[in-house]
Amino acid sequence: MNHSSGEIEKRTISKTMKRILPFILILYIIAYLDRVNLGYAALQMNAELALSAEVFGLLSGIFFIGYFFFEVPSNMIMHKVGARIWIARIMISWGLVVILTGFAQTTMHLYILRFLLGVAEAGFFPGIILYLTYWFRARERGRATAVLLLALPIGGLIGAPVSTWILDNISWFGMAGWRWMFILEGIPAIIIGIVVVFYLTNRPSNAKWLSKEESDWLEGELNAERKVSSKINKVTKLDMLKDSKIWKLALFYFAGYTSIY
């Protein structure tokens, strides 16, 4: 049975949006919560471990050192091994680090674990952005990215009351609430990381939830965009680093995140 191109387009975009966007939104909410929950833990943790304001500031920032060095290599690995395996690896490893943070006994333990959290999580957000290019054309990608960024306010809305409730109400086995907050909030990352292996699809050609007609149409559209892109954009990594537009965008991003954090 033949369908018009318009019908296939509408059906395929609707399926991919419904299948992918709600799931990656959940992933990013968990990522955001596990990144910022150190701030909630400080309400109890700083007093118990005698952390000064300077030490806490360094703990907050050391996360980004690991993130900085491993972000680009992580994306390069994901492009080779596939999003399903690599995003699962990212989530499971950062979940384990967050849980271990609940057992930290010294400032040095926290320094090491926060650095490792940056290493573990590096590549998650840029990896998801790269993943969107495997599924959405430029015209849909703006919408898809906007849905992904909803995770930041949603994560704040959920994270603050949940984290502070754990701090105030859970002290099982004589362990402080801040320790249980890390332990309990690290578990969802591991569970969802395992789900990623079974739920996430690397490319349209691998999607059993799309018909052959739909996956062929989507791959054709994306390949056509990639051919146009390859003529406009820099091909090698060295050429990209020499591109002034990259550095301007990095500067804007740096300024924005400096003010946020």
C-alpha atoms as a PDB file:
ATOM      1  CA  MET A   1       0.000   0.000   0.000  1.00  0.00           C
ATOM      2  CA  ASN A   2       1.470   3.349  -1.113  1.00  0.00           C
ATOM      3  CA  HIS A   3       1.262   6.422   1.026  1.00  0.00           C
ATOM      4  CA  SER A   4       1.968   9.995   0.019  1.00  0.00           C
ATOM      5  CA  SER A   5       5.259  11.448   1.188  1.00  0.00           C
ATOM      6  CA  GLY A   6       3.371  13.940   3.375  1.00  0.00           C
ATOM      7  CA  GLU A   7       1.555  11.170   5.251  1.00  0.00           C
ATOM      8  CA  ILE A   8       4.773   9.228   5.817  1.00  0.00           C
ATOM      9  CA  GLU A   9       6.525  12.388   7.019  1.00  0.00           C
ATOM     10  CA  LYS A  10       3.790  13.290   9.493  1.00  0.00           C
ATOM     11  CA  ARG A  11       3.499   9.741  10.846  1.00  0.00           C
ATOM     12  CA  THR A  12       7.248   9.187  11.162  1.00  0.00           C
ATOM     13  CA  ILE A  13       7.953  12.493  12.925  1.00  0.00           C
ATOM     14  CA  SER A  14       5.054  11.893  15.327  1.00  0.00           C
ATOM     15  CA  LYS A  15       6.346   8.392  16.191  1.00  0.00           C
ATOM     16  CA  THR A  16       9.947   9.515  16.745  1.00  0.00           C
ATOM     17  CA  MET A  17       8.909  12.514  18.868  1.00  0.00           C
ATOM     18  CA  LYS A  18       6.674  10.374  21.118  1.00  0.00           C
ATOM     19  CA  ARG A  19       9.187   7.539  21.406  1.00  0.00           C
ATOM     20  CA  ILE A  20      12.382   9.532  22.022  1.00  0.00           C
ATOM     21  CA  LEU A  21      11.650  12.936  23.586  1.00  0.00           C
ATOM     22  CA  PRO A  22       9.801  11.949  26.814  1.00  0.00           C
ATOM     23  CA  PHE A  23      12.488   9.350  27.553  1.00  0.00           C
ATOM     24  CA  ILE A  24      15.498  11.640  27.061  1.00  0.00           C
ATOM     25  CA  LEU A  25      13.703  14.294  29.127  1.00  0.00           C
ATOM     26  CA  ILE A  26      13.569  11.817  32.039  1.00  0.00           C
ATOM     27  CA  LEU A  27      17.275  10.995  31.546  1.00  0.00           C
ATOM     28  CA  TYR A  28      18.283  14.647  31.712  1.00  0.00           C
ATOM     29  CA  ILE A  29      16.109  15.358  34.773  1.00  0.00           C
ATOM     30  CA  ILE A  30      17.982  12.579  36.616  1.00  0.00           C
ATOM     31  CA  ALA A  31      21.334  13.908  35.357  1.00  0.00           C
ATOM     32  CA  TYR A  32      20.556  17.433  36.512  1.00  0.00           C
ATOM     33  CA  LEU A  33      19.384  16.248  39.931  1.00  0.00           C
ATOM     34  CA  ASP A  34      22.544  14.197  40.511  1.00  0.00           C
ATOM     35  CA  ARG A  35      24.707  17.138  39.488  1.00  0.00           C
ATOM     36  CA  VAL A  36      23.142  19.777  41.773  1.00  0.00           C
ATOM     37  CA  ASN A  37      22.176  17.684  44.820  1.00  0.00           C
ATOM     38  CA  LEU A  38      25.537  18.557  46.416  1.00  0.00           C
ATOM     39  CA  GLY A  39      24.009  21.972  47.164  1.00  0.00           C
ATOM     40  CA  TYR A  40      21.164  20.403  49.154  1.00  0.00           C
ATOM     41  CA  ALA A  41      23.558  18.010  50.923  1.00  0.00           C
ATOM     42  CA  ALA A  42      25.583  21.021  52.105  1.00  0.00           C
ATOM     43  CA  LEU A  43      22.829  21.825  54.617  1.00  0.00           C
ATOM     44  CA  GLN A  44      24.054  18.871  56.726  1.00  0.00           C
ATOM     45  CA  MET A  45      27.259  17.631  55.078  1.00  0.00           C
ATOM     46  CA  ASN A  46      29.358  20.776  55.593  1.00  0.00           C
ATOM     47  CA  ALA A  47      28.806  20.665  59.343  1.00  0.00           C
ATOM     48  CA  GLU A  48      29.391  16.896  59.714  1.00  0.00           C
ATOM     49  CA  LEU A  49      32.630  16.887  57.681  1.00  0.00           C
ATOM     50  CA  ALA A  50      33.729  20.393  58.798  1.00  0.00           C
ATOM     51  CA  LEU A  51      33.891  21.767  55.250  1.00  0.00           C
ATOM     52  CA  SER A  52      34.729  25.450  54.861  1.00  0.00           C
ATOM     53  CA  ALA A  53      33.079  27.649  52.223  1.00  0.00           C
ATOM     54  CA  GLU A  54      36.282  27.508  50.136  1.00  0.00           C
ATOM     55  CA  VAL A  55      36.407  23.711  50.258  1.00  0.00           C
ATOM     56  CA  PHE A  56      32.734  23.469  49.283  1.00  0.00           C
ATOM     57  CA  GLY A  57      33.329  25.880  46.395  1.00  0.00           C
ATOM     58  CA  LEU A  58      36.174  23.705  45.115  1.00  0.00           C
ATOM     59  CA  LEU A  59      34.013  20.579  45.485  1.00  0.00           C
ATOM     60  CA  SER A  60      31.357  22.242  43.340  1.00  0.00           C
ATOM     61  CA  GLY A  61      33.866  23.270  40.692  1.00  0.00           C
ATOM     62  CA  ILE A  62      36.079  20.174  40.543  1.00  0.00           C
ATOM     63  CA  PHE A  63      33.172  18.314  38.884  1.00  0.00           C
ATOM     64  CA  PHE A  64      33.689  20.454  35.788  1.00  0.00           C
ATOM     65  CA  ILE A  65      37.413  19.663  35.522  1.00  0.00           C
ATOM     66  CA  GLY A  66      36.642  15.998  34.845  1.00  0.00           C
ATOM     67  CA  TYR A  67      33.741  17.065  32.639  1.00  0.00           C
ATOM     68  CA  PHE A  68      35.965  19.427  30.600  1.00  0.00           C
ATOM     69  CA  PHE A  69      38.628  16.851  29.754  1.00  0.00           C
ATOM     70  CA  PHE A  70      36.304  13.966  28.887  1.00  0.00           C
ATOM     71  CA  GLU A  71      33.360  15.684  27.172  1.00  0.00           C
ATOM     72  CA  VAL A  72      34.695  15.658  23.583  1.00  0.00           C
ATOM     73  CA  PRO A  73      36.352  12.187  23.767  1.00  0.00           C
ATOM     74  CA  SER A  74      33.088  10.802  25.194  1.00  0.00           C
ATOM     75  CA  ASN A  75      31.107  12.099  22.220  1.00  0.00           C
ATOM     76  CA  MET A  76      33.636  10.656  19.771  1.00  0.00           C
ATOM     77  CA  ILE A  77      33.329   7.241  21.445  1.00  0.00           C
ATOM     78  CA  MET A  78      29.521   7.432  21.383  1.00  0.00           C
ATOM     79  CA  HIS A  79      29.548   8.138  17.653  1.00  0.00           C
ATOM     80  CA  LYS A  80      31.561   4.936  17.157  1.00  0.00           C
ATOM     81  CA  VAL A  81      29.935   2.496  19.597  1.00  0.00           C
ATOM     82  CA  GLY A  82      26.364   3.818  19.449  1.00  0.00           C
ATOM     83  CA  ALA A  83      24.183   5.824  21.821  1.00  0.00           C
ATOM     84  CA  ARG A  84      22.400   2.857  23.392  1.00  0.00           C
ATOM     85  CA  ILE A  85      25.531   1.322  24.961  1.00  0.00           C
ATOM     86  CA  TRP A  86      27.378   4.577  25.657  1.00  0.00           C
ATOM     87  CA  ILE A  87      24.539   6.523  27.305  1.00  0.00           C
ATOM     88  CA  ALA A  88      23.772   3.444  29.429  1.00  0.00           C
ATOM     89  CA  ARG A  89      27.454   3.345  30.467  1.00  0.00           C
ATOM     90  CA  ILE A  90      27.392   7.043  31.357  1.00  0.00           C
ATOM     91  CA  MET A  91      24.273   6.729  33.507  1.00  0.00           C
ATOM     92  CA  ILE A  92      25.265   3.556  35.352  1.00  0.00           C
ATOM     93  CA  SER A  93      28.767   4.856  36.147  1.00  0.00           C
ATOM     94  CA  TRP A  94      27.547   8.229  37.412  1.00  0.00           C
ATOM     95  CA  GLY A  95      24.834   6.527  39.486  1.00  0.00           C
ATOM     96  CA  LEU A  96      27.502   4.407  41.187  1.00  0.00           C
ATOM     97  CA  VAL A  97      29.653   7.487  41.904  1.00  0.00           C
ATOM     98  CA  VAL A  98      26.680   9.352  43.421  1.00  0.00           C
ATOM     99  CA  ILE A  99      25.885   6.361  45.673  1.00  0.00           C
ATOM    100  CA  LEU A 100      29.538   6.152  46.781  1.00  0.00           C
ATOM    101  CA  THR A 101      29.411   9.872  47.676  1.00  0.00           C
ATOM    102  CA  GLY A 102      26.950   8.906  50.409  1.00  0.00           C
ATOM    103  CA  PHE A 103      29.750   6.911  52.080  1.00  0.00           C
ATOM    104  CA  ALA A 104      32.466   9.624  51.880  1.00  0.00           C
ATOM    105  CA  GLN A 105      34.317  10.126  55.171  1.00  0.00           C
ATOM    106  CA  THR A 106      36.844  12.846  54.328  1.00  0.00           C
ATOM    107  CA  THR A 107      37.244  15.938  52.163  1.00  0.00           C
ATOM    108  CA  MET A 108      39.654  14.003  49.917  1.00  0.00           C
ATOM    109  CA  HIS A 109      37.009  11.318  49.318  1.00  0.00           C
ATOM    110  CA  LEU A 110      34.613  14.056  48.172  1.00  0.00           C
ATOM    111  CA  TYR A 111      37.228  15.670  45.901  1.00  0.00           C
ATOM    112  CA  ILE A 112      37.898  12.331  44.196  1.00  0.00           C
ATOM    113  CA  LEU A 113      34.214  11.414  43.859  1.00  0.00           C
ATOM    114  CA  ARG A 114      33.170  14.827  42.494  1.00  0.00           C
ATOM    115  CA  PHE A 115      35.983  14.687  39.922  1.00  0.00           C
ATOM    116  CA  LEU A 116      34.917  11.142  38.948  1.00  0.00           C
ATOM    117  CA  LEU A 117      31.297  12.283  38.653  1.00  0.00           C
ATOM    118  CA  GLY A 118      32.428  14.851  36.087  1.00  0.00           C
ATOM    119  CA  VAL A 119      34.353  12.154  34.215  1.00  0.00           C
ATOM    120  CA  ALA A 120      31.389   9.755  34.351  1.00  0.00           C
ATOM    121  CA  GLU A 121      28.777  12.299  33.276  1.00  0.00           C
ATOM    122  CA  ALA A 122      30.940  14.026  30.639  1.00  0.00           C
ATOM    123  CA  GLY A 123      29.446  13.544  27.239  1.00  0.00           C
ATOM    124  CA  PHE A 124      25.880  12.991  28.447  1.00  0.00           C
ATOM    125  CA  PHE A 125      24.366  16.318  27.394  1.00  0.00           C
ATOM    126  CA  PRO A 126      26.454  16.712  24.207  1.00  0.00           C
ATOM    127  CA  GLY A 127      25.837  13.019  23.538  1.00  0.00           C
ATOM    128  CA  ILE A 128      22.077  13.544  23.683  1.00  0.00           C
ATOM    129  CA  ILE A 129      22.405  16.589  21.388  1.00  0.00           C
ATOM    130  CA  LEU A 130      24.390  14.406  18.947  1.00  0.00           C
ATOM    131  CA  TYR A 131      21.788  11.653  19.312  1.00  0.00           C
ATOM    132  CA  LEU A 132      19.047  14.078  18.252  1.00  0.00           C
ATOM    133  CA  THR A 133      20.886  14.581  14.937  1.00  0.00           C
ATOM    134  CA  TYR A 134      20.492  10.831  14.267  1.00  0.00           C
ATOM    135  CA  TRP A 135      16.706  11.153  14.469  1.00  0.00           C
ATOM    136  CA  PHE A 136      15.528  14.681  13.704  1.00  0.00           C
ATOM    137  CA  ARG A 137      16.007  16.993  10.770  1.00  0.00           C
ATOM    138  CA  ALA A 138      17.153  20.569  11.439  1.00  0.00           C
ATOM    139  CA  ARG A 139      13.547  21.803  11.359  1.00  0.00           C
ATOM    140  CA  GLU A 140      12.488  19.408  14.159  1.00  0.00           C
ATOM    141  CA  ARG A 141      15.723  19.585  16.121  1.00  0.00           C
ATOM    142  CA  GLY A 142      14.952  22.979  17.660  1.00  0.00           C
ATOM    143  CA  ARG A 143      11.726  21.604  19.129  1.00  0.00           C
ATOM    144  CA  ALA A 144      13.473  18.450  20.328  1.00  0.00           C
ATOM    145  CA  THR A 145      16.255  20.450  22.036  1.00  0.00           C
ATOM    146  CA  ALA A 146      13.689  22.716  23.705  1.00  0.00           C
ATOM    147  CA  VAL A 147      11.937  19.658  25.177  1.00  0.00           C
ATOM    148  CA  LEU A 148      15.287  18.378  26.457  1.00  0.00           C
ATOM    149  CA  LEU A 149      16.043  21.708  28.186  1.00  0.00           C
ATOM    150  CA  LEU A 150      12.735  21.523  30.075  1.00  0.00           C
ATOM    151  CA  ALA A 151      14.651  19.101  32.318  1.00  0.00           C
ATOM    152  CA  LEU A 152      16.417  22.016  34.033  1.00  0.00           C
ATOM    153  CA  PRO A 153      13.349  23.717  35.570  1.00  0.00           C
ATOM    154  CA  ILE A 154      11.599  20.362  36.110  1.00  0.00           C
ATOM    155  CA  GLY A 155      14.720  18.989  37.823  1.00  0.00           C
ATOM    156  CA  GLY A 156      14.753  22.004  40.139  1.00  0.00           C
ATOM    157  CA  LEU A 157      11.037  21.672  40.904  1.00  0.00           C
ATOM    158  CA  ILE A 158      11.377  17.977  41.764  1.00  0.00           C
ATOM    159  CA  GLY A 159      14.881  17.971  43.206  1.00  0.00           C
ATOM    160  CA  ALA A 160      14.559  20.635  45.887  1.00  0.00           C
ATOM    161  CA  PRO A 161      11.531  19.227  47.760  1.00  0.00           C
ATOM    162  CA  VAL A 162      12.570  15.570  47.326  1.00  0.00           C
ATOM    163  CA  SER A 163      16.165  16.156  48.430  1.00  0.00           C
ATOM    164  CA  THR A 164      15.241  18.252  51.449  1.00  0.00           C
ATOM    165  CA  TRP A 165      12.529  15.760  52.454  1.00  0.00           C
ATOM    166  CA  ILE A 166      15.145  12.963  52.457  1.00  0.00           C
ATOM    167  CA  LEU A 167      17.513  15.168  54.503  1.00  0.00           C
ATOM    168  CA  ASP A 168      14.840  15.790  57.136  1.00  0.00           C
ATOM    169  CA  ASN A 169      13.131  12.402  57.294  1.00  0.00           C
ATOM    170  CA  ILE A 170      15.539   9.574  56.491  1.00  0.00           C
ATOM    171  CA  SER A 171      18.370   8.531  58.825  1.00  0.00           C
ATOM    172  CA  TRP A 172      18.274   4.737  58.589  1.00  0.00           C
ATOM    173  CA  PHE A 173      21.022   2.669  60.313  1.00  0.00           C
ATOM    174  CA  GLY A 174      22.310   5.807  62.018  1.00  0.00           C
ATOM    175  CA  MET A 175      23.453   7.390  58.751  1.00  0.00           C
ATOM    176  CA  ALA A 176      22.765  11.099  58.224  1.00  0.00           C
ATOM    177  CA  GLY A 177      20.075  12.291  55.829  1.00  0.00           C
ATOM    178  CA  TRP A 178      22.583  13.805  53.370  1.00  0.00           C
ATOM    179  CA  ARG A 179      24.202  10.382  52.916  1.00  0.00           C
ATOM    180  CA  TRP A 180      20.840   8.744  52.177  1.00  0.00           C
ATOM    181  CA  MET A 181      20.029  11.548  49.758  1.00  0.00           C
ATOM    182  CA  PHE A 182      23.051  10.630  47.620  1.00  0.00           C
ATOM    183  CA  ILE A 183      22.378   6.893  47.904  1.00  0.00           C
ATOM    184  CA  LEU A 184      18.661   7.114  47.055  1.00  0.00           C
ATOM    185  CA  GLU A 185      19.160   9.648  44.246  1.00  0.00           C
ATOM    186  CA  GLY A 186      21.968   7.621  42.655  1.00  0.00           C
ATOM    187  CA  ILE A 187      19.810   4.494  42.301  1.00  0.00           C
ATOM    188  CA  PRO A 188      17.453   5.874  39.563  1.00  0.00           C
ATOM    189  CA  ALA A 189      20.440   6.625  37.290  1.00  0.00           C
ATOM    190  CA  ILE A 190      21.518   2.965  37.462  1.00  0.00           C
ATOM    191  CA  ILE A 191      17.982   1.636  36.906  1.00  0.00           C
ATOM    192  CA  ILE A 192      17.290   3.973  33.965  1.00  0.00           C
ATOM    193  CA  GLY A 193      20.772   3.238  32.601  1.00  0.00           C
ATOM    194  CA  ILE A 194      19.816  -0.444  32.373  1.00  0.00           C
ATOM    195  CA  VAL A 195      16.499   0.516  30.744  1.00  0.00           C
ATOM    196  CA  VAL A 196      18.433   2.544  28.125  1.00  0.00           C
ATOM    197  CA  VAL A 197      20.074  -0.668  26.857  1.00  0.00           C
ATOM    198  CA  PHE A 198      16.679  -2.129  25.998  1.00  0.00           C
ATOM    199  CA  TYR A 199      14.702   1.004  25.089  1.00  0.00           C
ATOM    200  CA  LEU A 200      16.993   3.351  23.162  1.00  0.00           C
ATOM    201  CA  THR A 201      17.476   2.737  19.430  1.00  0.00           C
ATOM    202  CA  ASN A 202      20.751   3.846  17.839  1.00  0.00           C
ATOM    203  CA  ARG A 203      19.497   4.811  14.379  1.00  0.00           C
ATOM    204  CA  PRO A 204      16.235   4.815  12.365  1.00  0.00           C
ATOM    205  CA  SER A 205      17.478   1.774  10.406  1.00  0.00           C
ATOM    206  CA  ASN A 206      17.526  -0.210  13.706  1.00  0.00           C
ATOM    207  CA  ALA A 207      14.024   0.881  14.805  1.00  0.00           C
ATOM    208  CA  LYS A 208      11.615  -2.033  14.995  1.00  0.00           C
ATOM    209  CA  TRP A 209       8.906   0.441  16.032  1.00  0.00           C
ATOM    210  CA  LEU A 210       9.117   2.136  12.614  1.00  0.00           C
ATOM    211  CA  SER A 211       7.911   0.461   9.428  1.00  0.00           C
ATOM    212  CA  LYS A 212      10.454  -0.132   6.645  1.00  0.00           C
ATOM    213  CA  GLU A 213       8.814   2.663   4.680  1.00  0.00           C
ATOM    214  CA  GLU A 214       9.114   5.090   7.611  1.00  0.00           C
ATOM    215  CA  SER A 215      12.725   4.254   8.491  1.00  0.00           C
ATOM    216  CA  ASP A 216      13.791   4.475   4.822  1.00  0.00           C
ATOM    217  CA  TRP A 217      12.112   7.882   4.473  1.00  0.00           C
ATOM    218  CA  LEU A 218      13.751   9.218   7.654  1.00  0.00           C
ATOM    219  CA  GLU A 219      17.228   7.896   6.780  1.00  0.00           C
ATOM    220  CA  GLY A 220      16.876   9.425   3.314  1.00  0.00           C
ATOM    221  CA  GLU A 221      15.940  12.830   4.738  1.00  0.00           C
ATOM    222  CA  LEU A 222      18.778  12.794   7.293  1.00  0.00           C
ATOM    223  CA  ASN A 223      21.374  11.646   4.727  1.00  0.00           C
ATOM    224  CA  ALA A 224      20.330  14.455   2.379  1.00  0.00           C
ATOM    225  CA  GLU A 225      20.857  16.974   5.208  1.00  0.00           C
ATOM    226  CA  ARG A 226      24.255  15.473   6.063  1.00  0.00           C
ATOM    227  CA  LYS A 227      25.434  15.875   2.450  1.00  0.00           C
ATOM    228  CA  VAL A 228      24.476  19.550   2.476  1.00  0.00           C
ATOM    229  CA  SER A 229      26.074  19.993   5.914  1.00  0.00           C
ATOM    230  CA  SER A 230      29.367  18.394   4.822  1.00  0.00           C
ATOM    231  CA  LYS A 231      29.728  21.030   2.080  1.00  0.00           C
ATOM    232  CA  ILE A 232      29.194  23.909   4.524  1.00  0.00           C
ATOM    233  CA  ASN A 233      30.794  22.724   7.756  1.00  0.00           C
ATOM    234  CA  LYS A 234      34.402  21.902   8.578  1.00  0.00           C
ATOM    235  CA  VAL A 235      35.291  18.258   7.941  1.00  0.00           C
ATOM    236  CA  THR A 236      38.306  17.669  10.205  1.00  0.00           C
ATOM    237  CA  LYS A 237      38.551  18.249  13.964  1.00  0.00           C
ATOM    238  CA  LEU A 238      41.519  20.595  13.428  1.00  0.00           C
ATOM    239  CA  ASP A 239      39.524  22.727  10.995  1.00  0.00           C
ATOM    240  CA  MET A 240      36.708  22.932  13.542  1.00  0.00           C
ATOM    241  CA  LEU A 241      39.107  24.187  16.220  1.00  0.00           C
ATOM    242  CA  LYS A 242      40.291  26.919  13.820  1.00  0.00           C
ATOM    243  CA  ASP A 243      36.733  28.075  13.116  1.00  0.00           C
ATOM    244  CA  SER A 244      36.057  31.424  14.835  1.00  0.00           C
ATOM    245  CA  LYS A 245      32.315  30.649  15.047  1.00  0.00           C
ATOM    246  CA  ILE A 246      33.082  27.711  17.364  1.00  0.00           C
ATOM    247  CA  TRP A 247      35.042  29.964  19.722  1.00  0.00           C
ATOM    248  CA  LYS A 248      32.365  32.693  19.676  1.00  0.00           C
ATOM    249  CA  LEU A 249      29.650  30.175  20.551  1.00  0.00           C
ATOM    250  CA  ALA A 250      31.886  28.694  23.281  1.00  0.00           C
ATOM    251  CA  LEU A 251      32.366  32.209  24.728  1.00  0.00           C
ATOM    252  CA  PHE A 252      28.594  32.843  24.810  1.00  0.00           C
ATOM    253  CA  TYR A 253      28.033  29.452  26.441  1.00  0.00           C
ATOM    254  CA  PHE A 254      30.824  30.097  28.962  1.00  0.00           C
ATOM    255  CA  ALA A 255      29.340  33.476  29.921  1.00  0.00           C
ATOM    256  CA  GLY A 256      25.845  32.036  30.328  1.00  0.00           C
ATOM    257  CA  TYR A 257      26.903  29.094  32.489  1.00  0.00           C
ATOM    258  CA  THR A 258      29.259  31.235  34.591  1.00  0.00           C
ATOM    259  CA  SER A 259      26.294  33.401  35.583  1.00  0.00           C
ATOM    260  CA  ILE A 260      24.032  30.383  36.204  1.00  0.00           C
ATOM    261  CA  TYR A 261      26.463  28.454  38.403  1.00  0.00           C
END
